[in-house]
C-alpha atoms as a PDB file:
ATOM      1  CA  MET A   1       0.000   0.000   0.000  1.00  0.00           C
ATOM      2  CA  THR A   2       1.448   3.347  -1.051  1.00  0.00           C
ATOM      3  CA  ARG A   3       0.999   6.385   1.222  1.00  0.00           C
ATOM      4  CA  ASN A   4       0.693   9.881  -0.094  1.00  0.00           C
ATOM      5  CA  PRO A   5       3.155  11.957   1.934  1.00  0.00           C
ATOM      6  CA  LEU A   6       1.481  15.229   0.916  1.00  0.00           C
ATOM      7  CA  ALA A   7      -1.932  14.099   2.144  1.00  0.00           C
ATOM      8  CA  PHE A   8      -0.438  12.861   5.405  1.00  0.00           C
ATOM      9  CA  SER A   9       1.384  16.163   5.948  1.00  0.00           C
ATOM     10  CA  ALA A  10      -1.788  18.150   5.272  1.00  0.00           C
ATOM     11  CA  LEU A  11      -3.734  16.066   7.753  1.00  0.00           C
ATOM     12  CA  THR A  12      -1.045  16.524  10.386  1.00  0.00           C
ATOM     13  CA  LEU A  13      -0.954  20.277   9.769  1.00  0.00           C
ATOM     14  CA  GLY A  14      -4.759  20.513  10.057  1.00  0.00           C
ATOM     15  CA  LEU A  15      -4.789  18.738  13.394  1.00  0.00           C
ATOM     16  CA  THR A  16      -1.978  20.969  14.598  1.00  0.00           C
ATOM     17  CA  LEU A  17      -3.899  24.098  13.638  1.00  0.00           C
ATOM     18  CA  LEU A  18      -7.133  22.874  15.264  1.00  0.00           C
ATOM     19  CA  SER A  19      -5.552  21.810  18.517  1.00  0.00           C
ATOM     20  CA  PRO A  20      -5.241  25.334  20.096  1.00  0.00           C
ATOM     21  CA  ALA A  21      -8.904  26.071  19.341  1.00  0.00           C
ATOM     22  CA  LEU A  22     -10.005  22.796  20.864  1.00  0.00           C
ATOM     23  CA  LEU A  23      -7.867  23.379  23.908  1.00  0.00           C
ATOM     24  CA  GLN A  24      -9.248  26.902  24.299  1.00  0.00           C
ATOM     25  CA  ALA A  25     -12.832  25.598  24.115  1.00  0.00           C
ATOM     26  CA  GLN A  26     -12.057  22.989  26.728  1.00  0.00           C
ATOM     27  CA  ALA A  27     -10.452  25.611  28.966  1.00  0.00           C
ATOM     28  CA  LYS A  28     -13.417  28.034  28.769  1.00  0.00           C
ATOM     29  CA  PRO A  29     -14.401  28.909  32.336  1.00  0.00           C
ATOM     30  CA  ALA A  30     -17.785  27.983  33.737  1.00  0.00           C
ATOM     31  CA  THR A  31     -20.256  30.803  34.242  1.00  0.00           C
ATOM     32  CA  VAL A  32     -23.256  31.654  36.425  1.00  0.00           C
ATOM     33  CA  THR A  33     -26.276  33.338  34.788  1.00  0.00           C
ATOM     34  CA  VAL A  34     -29.016  34.971  36.848  1.00  0.00           C
ATOM     35  CA  THR A  35     -32.028  37.146  36.003  1.00  0.00           C
ATOM     36  CA  ALA A  36     -33.663  39.194  38.747  1.00  0.00           C
ATOM     37  CA  GLN A  37     -36.231  41.944  39.082  1.00  0.00           C
ATOM     38  CA  GLY A  38     -35.962  45.090  41.166  1.00  0.00           C
ATOM     39  CA  SER A  39     -38.695  47.534  42.082  1.00  0.00           C
ATOM     40  CA  VAL A  40     -39.040  50.856  43.844  1.00  0.00           C
ATOM     41  CA  GLN A  41     -42.009  52.942  44.948  1.00  0.00           C
ATOM     42  CA  ALA A  42     -42.274  56.456  43.546  1.00  0.00           C
ATOM     43  CA  GLN A  43     -44.692  59.320  43.999  1.00  0.00           C
ATOM     44  CA  PRO A  44     -46.741  60.085  40.869  1.00  0.00           C
ATOM     45  CA  ASP A  45     -46.096  63.423  39.226  1.00  0.00           C
ATOM     46  CA  THR A  46     -49.141  63.726  36.958  1.00  0.00           C
ATOM     47  CA  ALA A  47     -52.872  63.222  37.382  1.00  0.00           C
ATOM     48  CA  VAL A  48     -55.023  62.483  34.338  1.00  0.00           C
ATOM     49  CA  ALA A  49     -58.656  63.545  34.573  1.00  0.00           C
ATOM     50  CA  GLN A  50     -60.877  61.796  32.033  1.00  0.00           C
ATOM     51  CA  PHE A  51     -64.108  63.406  30.794  1.00  0.00           C
ATOM     52  CA  ALA A  52     -66.826  62.082  28.490  1.00  0.00           C
ATOM     53  CA  ILE A  53     -69.516  64.037  26.707  1.00  0.00           C
ATOM     54  CA  SER A  54     -72.279  62.577  24.559  1.00  0.00           C
ATOM     55  CA  GLY A  55     -75.618  63.197  22.908  1.00  0.00           C
ATOM     56  CA  GLN A  56     -78.237  60.776  21.604  1.00  0.00           C
ATOM     57  CA  ASN A  57     -81.181  61.474  19.339  1.00  0.00           C
ATOM     58  CA  ALA A  58     -83.018  60.076  16.335  1.00  0.00           C
ATOM     59  CA  ASP A  59     -81.653  63.042  14.395  1.00  0.00           C
ATOM     60  CA  VAL A  60     -77.856  63.010  14.168  1.00  0.00           C
ATOM     61  CA  LYS A  61     -77.712  66.833  14.062  1.00  0.00           C
ATOM     62  CA  THR A  62     -79.666  67.034  17.314  1.00  0.00           C
ATOM     63  CA  ALA A  63     -77.369  64.433  18.917  1.00  0.00           C
ATOM     64  CA  TYR A  64     -74.372  66.499  17.830  1.00  0.00           C
ATOM     65  CA  ALA A  65     -75.969  69.655  19.269  1.00  0.00           C
ATOM     66  CA  GLN A  66     -76.513  67.886  22.604  1.00  0.00           C
ATOM     67  CA  ALA A  67     -72.857  66.819  22.735  1.00  0.00           C
ATOM     68  CA  GLN A  68     -71.764  70.317  21.764  1.00  0.00           C
ATOM     69  CA  GLU A  69     -73.883  71.756  24.594  1.00  0.00           C
ATOM     70  CA  GLN A  70     -72.134  69.462  27.090  1.00  0.00           C
ATOM     71  CA  ALA A  71     -68.772  70.510  25.666  1.00  0.00           C
ATOM     72  CA  VAL A  72     -69.605  74.165  26.225  1.00  0.00           C
ATOM     73  CA  GLU A  73     -70.655  73.372  29.801  1.00  0.00           C
ATOM     74  CA  LEU A  74     -67.426  71.430  30.419  1.00  0.00           C
ATOM     75  CA  ARG A  75     -65.275  74.292  29.126  1.00  0.00           C
ATOM     76  CA  ALA A  76     -67.088  76.694  31.453  1.00  0.00           C
ATOM     77  CA  GLN A  77     -66.539  74.395  34.456  1.00  0.00           C
ATOM     78  CA  LEU A  78     -62.843  74.075  33.646  1.00  0.00           C
ATOM     79  CA  ARG A  79     -62.517  77.855  33.413  1.00  0.00           C
ATOM     80  CA  GLU A  80     -64.183  78.225  36.818  1.00  0.00           C
ATOM     81  CA  GLN A  81     -61.454  75.992  38.263  1.00  0.00           C
ATOM     82  CA  GLY A  82     -58.654  77.979  36.649  1.00  0.00           C
ATOM     83  CA  PHE A  83     -58.005  75.692  33.685  1.00  0.00           C
ATOM     84  CA  THR A  84     -58.017  76.849  30.092  1.00  0.00           C
ATOM     85  CA  PRO A  85     -59.778  74.776  27.422  1.00  0.00           C
ATOM     86  CA  ARG A  86     -56.460  74.456  25.587  1.00  0.00           C
ATOM     87  CA  GLN A  87     -55.087  72.464  28.523  1.00  0.00           C
ATOM     88  CA  ALA A  88     -57.658  69.749  27.792  1.00  0.00           C
ATOM     89  CA  THR A  89     -57.145  67.488  24.791  1.00  0.00           C
ATOM     90  CA  TRP A  90     -59.556  65.366  22.768  1.00  0.00           C
ATOM     91  CA  SER A  91     -58.808  61.663  23.162  1.00  0.00           C
ATOM     92  CA  GLN A  92     -61.586  60.302  20.914  1.00  0.00           C
ATOM     93  CA  TYR A  93     -64.664  61.305  18.909  1.00  0.00           C
ATOM     94  CA  SER A  94     -67.293  59.027  17.387  1.00  0.00           C
ATOM     95  CA  VAL A  95     -70.730  59.015  15.795  1.00  0.00           C
ATOM     96  CA  SER A  96     -72.479  55.656  16.177  1.00  0.00           C
ATOM     97  CA  PRO A  97     -75.872  54.522  14.863  1.00  0.00           C
ATOM     98  CA  ASN A  98     -78.095  52.598  17.279  1.00  0.00           C
ATOM     99  CA  TRP A  99     -79.941  49.732  15.649  1.00  0.00           C
ATOM    100  CA  ASP A 100     -83.168  47.935  16.351  1.00  0.00           C
ATOM    101  CA  TYR A 101     -82.034  44.421  15.485  1.00  0.00           C
ATOM    102  CA  GLN A 102     -85.602  43.149  15.193  1.00  0.00           C
ATOM    103  CA  THR A 103     -86.629  45.652  12.548  1.00  0.00           C
ATOM    104  CA  HIS A 104     -83.105  46.214  11.218  1.00  0.00           C
ATOM    105  CA  HIS A 105     -83.586  49.962  11.342  1.00  0.00           C
ATOM    106  CA  ILE A 106     -81.529  52.731  12.877  1.00  0.00           C
ATOM    107  CA  THR A 107     -83.416  54.157  15.848  1.00  0.00           C
ATOM    108  CA  SER A 108     -81.026  56.907  16.928  1.00  0.00           C
ATOM    109  CA  TYR A 109     -77.476  58.206  16.809  1.00  0.00           C
ATOM    110  CA  THR A 110     -74.953  58.670  19.594  1.00  0.00           C
ATOM    111  CA  VAL A 111     -72.307  61.368  19.312  1.00  0.00           C
ATOM    112  CA  SER A 112     -69.566  60.962  21.920  1.00  0.00           C
ATOM    113  CA  ALA A 113     -66.168  62.445  22.661  1.00  0.00           C
ATOM    114  CA  GLY A 114     -63.485  61.874  25.264  1.00  0.00           C
ATOM    115  CA  VAL A 115     -61.420  64.625  26.834  1.00  0.00           C
ATOM    116  CA  GLN A 116     -58.428  64.376  29.131  1.00  0.00           C
ATOM    117  CA  LEU A 117     -56.778  66.983  31.321  1.00  0.00           C
ATOM    118  CA  LEU A 118     -53.258  66.645  32.720  1.00  0.00           C
ATOM    119  CA  ILE A 119     -52.828  68.082  36.219  1.00  0.00           C
ATOM    120  CA  THR A 120     -49.472  68.434  37.967  1.00  0.00           C
ATOM    121  CA  ASP A 121     -50.737  70.426  40.952  1.00  0.00           C
ATOM    122  CA  PHE A 122     -52.608  67.757  42.922  1.00  0.00           C
ATOM    123  CA  GLY A 123     -54.176  70.383  45.156  1.00  0.00           C
ATOM    124  CA  ARG A 124     -56.440  71.338  42.257  1.00  0.00           C
ATOM    125  CA  ILE A 125     -57.958  67.874  41.826  1.00  0.00           C
ATOM    126  CA  ALA A 126     -60.341  67.787  44.798  1.00  0.00           C
ATOM    127  CA  PRO A 127     -61.920  71.203  44.038  1.00  0.00           C
ATOM    128  CA  LEU A 128     -62.422  70.118  40.415  1.00  0.00           C
ATOM    129  CA  ILE A 129     -64.108  66.860  41.426  1.00  0.00           C
ATOM    130  CA  ASN A 130     -66.326  68.549  44.005  1.00  0.00           C
ATOM    131  CA  ALA A 131     -67.329  71.272  41.546  1.00  0.00           C
ATOM    132  CA  MET A 132     -68.220  68.754  38.849  1.00  0.00           C
ATOM    133  CA  SER A 133     -70.192  66.611  41.292  1.00  0.00           C
ATOM    134  CA  GLY A 134     -71.927  69.602  42.845  1.00  0.00           C
ATOM    135  CA  SER A 135     -73.170  70.806  39.469  1.00  0.00           C
ATOM    136  CA  GLY A 136     -74.724  67.441  38.750  1.00  0.00           C
ATOM    137  CA  SER A 137     -72.430  66.876  35.796  1.00  0.00           C
ATOM    138  CA  SER A 138     -71.491  63.311  34.904  1.00  0.00           C
ATOM    139  CA  ALA A 139     -68.748  64.332  32.476  1.00  0.00           C
ATOM    140  CA  LEU A 140     -65.889  63.473  34.837  1.00  0.00           C
ATOM    141  CA  GLN A 141     -65.288  59.740  34.455  1.00  0.00           C
ATOM    142  CA  GLY A 142     -62.305  59.361  36.776  1.00  0.00           C
ATOM    143  CA  VAL A 143     -58.810  60.436  37.751  1.00  0.00           C
ATOM    144  CA  SER A 144     -55.675  58.329  37.370  1.00  0.00           C
ATOM    145  CA  PHE A 145     -52.127  58.964  38.534  1.00  0.00           C
ATOM    146  CA  GLU A 146     -49.013  58.506  36.433  1.00  0.00           C
ATOM    147  CA  LEU A 147     -45.262  58.915  36.640  1.00  0.00           C
ATOM    148  CA  ARG A 148     -44.206  60.693  33.469  1.00  0.00           C
ATOM    149  CA  HIS A 149     -40.709  61.665  34.617  1.00  0.00           C
ATOM    150  CA  GLY A 150     -39.425  58.382  35.999  1.00  0.00           C
ATOM    151  CA  ALA A 151     -35.730  58.363  35.042  1.00  0.00           C
ATOM    152  CA  ALA A 152     -34.485  58.515  38.645  1.00  0.00           C
ATOM    153  CA  ALA A 153     -36.895  55.807  39.776  1.00  0.00           C
ATOM    154  CA  ARG A 154     -35.879  53.664  36.789  1.00  0.00           C
ATOM    155  CA  LYS A 155     -32.198  53.917  37.773  1.00  0.00           C
ATOM    156  CA  ALA A 156     -33.040  52.949  41.346  1.00  0.00           C
ATOM    157  CA  ALA A 157     -35.020  49.941  40.135  1.00  0.00           C
ATOM    158  CA  ILE A 158     -32.102  48.810  37.949  1.00  0.00           C
ATOM    159  CA  ALA A 159     -29.696  49.134  40.897  1.00  0.00           C
ATOM    160  CA  ALA A 160     -32.045  47.088  43.088  1.00  0.00           C
ATOM    161  CA  ALA A 161     -32.368  44.425  40.393  1.00  0.00           C
ATOM    162  CA  TYR A 162     -28.580  44.178  39.983  1.00  0.00           C
ATOM    163  CA  ALA A 163     -28.044  43.857  43.742  1.00  0.00           C
ATOM    164  CA  THR A 164     -30.585  41.029  43.870  1.00  0.00           C
ATOM    165  CA  ALA A 165     -29.059  39.311  40.834  1.00  0.00           C
ATOM    166  CA  ARG A 166     -25.556  39.468  42.286  1.00  0.00           C
ATOM    167  CA  ALA A 167     -26.699  38.101  45.641  1.00  0.00           C
ATOM    168  CA  GLN A 168     -28.432  35.206  43.902  1.00  0.00           C
ATOM    169  CA  ALA A 169     -25.359  34.556  41.746  1.00  0.00           C
ATOM    170  CA  GLU A 170     -23.140  34.430  44.845  1.00  0.00           C
ATOM    171  CA  ALA A 171     -25.498  31.931  46.473  1.00  0.00           C
ATOM    172  CA  LEU A 172     -25.560  29.805  43.319  1.00  0.00           C
ATOM    173  CA  ALA A 173     -21.773  29.854  43.027  1.00  0.00           C
ATOM    174  CA  ALA A 174     -21.382  28.786  46.648  1.00  0.00           C
ATOM    175  CA  ALA A 175     -23.891  25.974  46.165  1.00  0.00           C
ATOM    176  CA  ALA A 176     -21.827  24.772  43.199  1.00  0.00           C
ATOM    177  CA  GLY A 177     -18.714  24.635  45.360  1.00  0.00           C
ATOM    178  CA  GLY A 178     -17.072  27.722  43.929  1.00  0.00           C
ATOM    179  CA  LYS A 179     -17.116  31.453  44.282  1.00  0.00           C
ATOM    180  CA  LEU A 180     -18.210  34.328  42.127  1.00  0.00           C
ATOM    181  CA  GLY A 181     -15.659  35.547  39.605  1.00  0.00           C
ATOM    182  CA  LYS A 182     -15.587  38.659  37.456  1.00  0.00           C
ATOM    183  CA  LEU A 183     -18.638  40.029  35.686  1.00  0.00           C
ATOM    184  CA  VAL A 184     -18.862  38.822  32.090  1.00  0.00           C
ATOM    185  CA  SER A 185     -21.985  40.682  30.934  1.00  0.00           C
ATOM    186  CA  ALA A 186     -25.048  42.496  32.215  1.00  0.00           C
ATOM    187  CA  SER A 187     -28.212  43.627  30.455  1.00  0.00           C
ATOM    188  CA  VAL A 188     -31.499  45.301  31.308  1.00  0.00           C
ATOM    189  CA  GLY A 189     -34.573  43.594  29.919  1.00  0.00           C
ATOM    190  CA  ALA A 190     -37.957  45.026  29.063  1.00  0.00           C
ATOM    191  CA  ALA A 191     -40.077  45.903  32.083  1.00  0.00           C
ATOM    192  CA  PRO A 192     -42.855  48.434  32.670  1.00  0.00           C
ATOM    193  CA  LEU A 193     -41.512  51.782  33.795  1.00  0.00           C
ATOM    194  CA  LEU A 194     -44.599  52.528  35.797  1.00  0.00           C
ATOM    195  CA  ALA A 195     -47.927  51.150  36.902  1.00  0.00           C
ATOM    196  CA  PRO A 196     -50.553  53.911  36.964  1.00  0.00           C
ATOM    197  CA  GLN A 197     -53.021  53.773  39.831  1.00  0.00           C
ATOM    198  CA  VAL A 198     -56.571  54.570  38.828  1.00  0.00           C
ATOM    199  CA  ARG A 199     -58.223  55.447  42.092  1.00  0.00           C
ATOM    200  CA  LEU A 200     -58.234  58.251  44.625  1.00  0.00           C
ATOM    201  CA  MET A 201     -57.228  57.388  48.177  1.00  0.00           C
ATOM    202  CA  ALA A 202     -59.565  59.308  50.442  1.00  0.00           C
ATOM    203  CA  ALA A 203     -58.364  60.245  53.910  1.00  0.00           C
ATOM    204  CA  GLU A 204     -60.334  58.649  56.744  1.00  0.00           C
ATOM    205  CA  ALA A 205     -61.068  61.955  58.425  1.00  0.00           C
ATOM    206  CA  ALA A 206     -62.094  63.729  55.225  1.00  0.00           C
ATOM    207  CA  PRO A 207     -65.487  65.486  55.468  1.00  0.00           C
ATOM    208  CA  ALA A 208     -66.168  64.641  51.810  1.00  0.00           C
ATOM    209  CA  PRO A 209     -64.996  61.678  49.705  1.00  0.00           C
ATOM    210  CA  VAL A 210     -62.298  63.625  47.863  1.00  0.00           C
ATOM    211  CA  GLU A 211     -61.851  66.691  50.069  1.00  0.00           C
ATOM    212  CA  GLN A 212     -58.432  65.373  51.098  1.00  0.00           C
ATOM    213  CA  PHE A 213     -56.609  62.501  49.440  1.00  0.00           C
ATOM    214  CA  THR A 214     -53.212  60.937  48.911  1.00  0.00           C
ATOM    215  CA  PRO A 215     -52.361  59.459  45.518  1.00  0.00           C
ATOM    216  CA  GLN A 216     -51.166  55.896  45.668  1.00  0.00           C
ATOM    217  CA  LYS A 217     -47.481  55.342  44.933  1.00  0.00           C
ATOM    218  CA  ILE A 218     -46.417  53.871  41.619  1.00  0.00           C
ATOM    219  CA  THR A 219     -44.278  50.751  41.314  1.00  0.00           C
ATOM    220  CA  VAL A 220     -41.359  51.086  38.905  1.00  0.00           C
ATOM    221  CA  THR A 221     -39.711  47.780  37.954  1.00  0.00           C
ATOM    222  CA  ALA A 222     -36.621  46.652  36.036  1.00  0.00           C
ATOM    223  CA  ASN A 223     -35.331  43.226  34.964  1.00  0.00           C
ATOM    224  CA  VAL A 224     -31.566  42.623  34.960  1.00  0.00           C
ATOM    225  CA  SER A 225     -29.676  39.606  33.575  1.00  0.00           C
ATOM    226  CA  VAL A 226     -26.043  39.057  34.652  1.00  0.00           C
ATOM    227  CA  VAL A 227     -23.347  36.532  33.779  1.00  0.00           C
ATOM    228  CA  PHE A 228     -20.409  35.931  36.151  1.00  0.00           C
ATOM    229  CA  GLN A 229     -17.464  33.598  35.880  1.00  0.00           C
ATOM    230  CA  LEU A 230     -17.473  30.711  38.330  1.00  0.00           C
ATOM    231  CA  ALA A 231     -14.130  30.737  40.116  1.00  0.00           C
ATOM    232  CA  GLN A 232     -12.553  28.074  42.301  1.00  0.00           C
ATOM    233  CA  PRO A 233     -12.699  28.737  46.053  1.00  0.00           C
END
């Protein structure tokens, strides 16, 4: 049997070139991967008052006129409380036919619109609610609280998540008979920046339901994933 020296040399060279890569893969250190969530409580900075106006009539023009009349009344009530109509924004507008499904005829039309008002001075909320309720108006649908400037709270939540992740990684490394090595990578995953609360918290001693209130705090969360090397003790 005749051997080809060139083929044998090429095979030997290929194995020689692959050996460092194989050795490096075998020598790759073990790692510990942990994902944890951190959360902080933050005071809301914005209240969102939601209003709804509507009109219903067999004649669509009359339904529109009814809705327009409510809009005029709402603008006047906002002015009385020191707000300008331009501070309120339209969130939706619709004209919907109402059907009699037995006769398959339109019986009336409903014209509706949604309005929202952003309030940063919380001391103005209770007088607005009391004024709207006292006038018999049903336009105010509710007030929710939001955190629109949450950068500082977001950073705090990330720091809390990292501290939790590191503590869990240390415990995992110890359970594996090693210790935590250097940080290999860290990333922040998607998590809600805020969780708006949609109710007013009335004080127990308040003479009226919303005469005095404290907005509920908002929970800001962050998810952090970390990878550490697993070192020998």
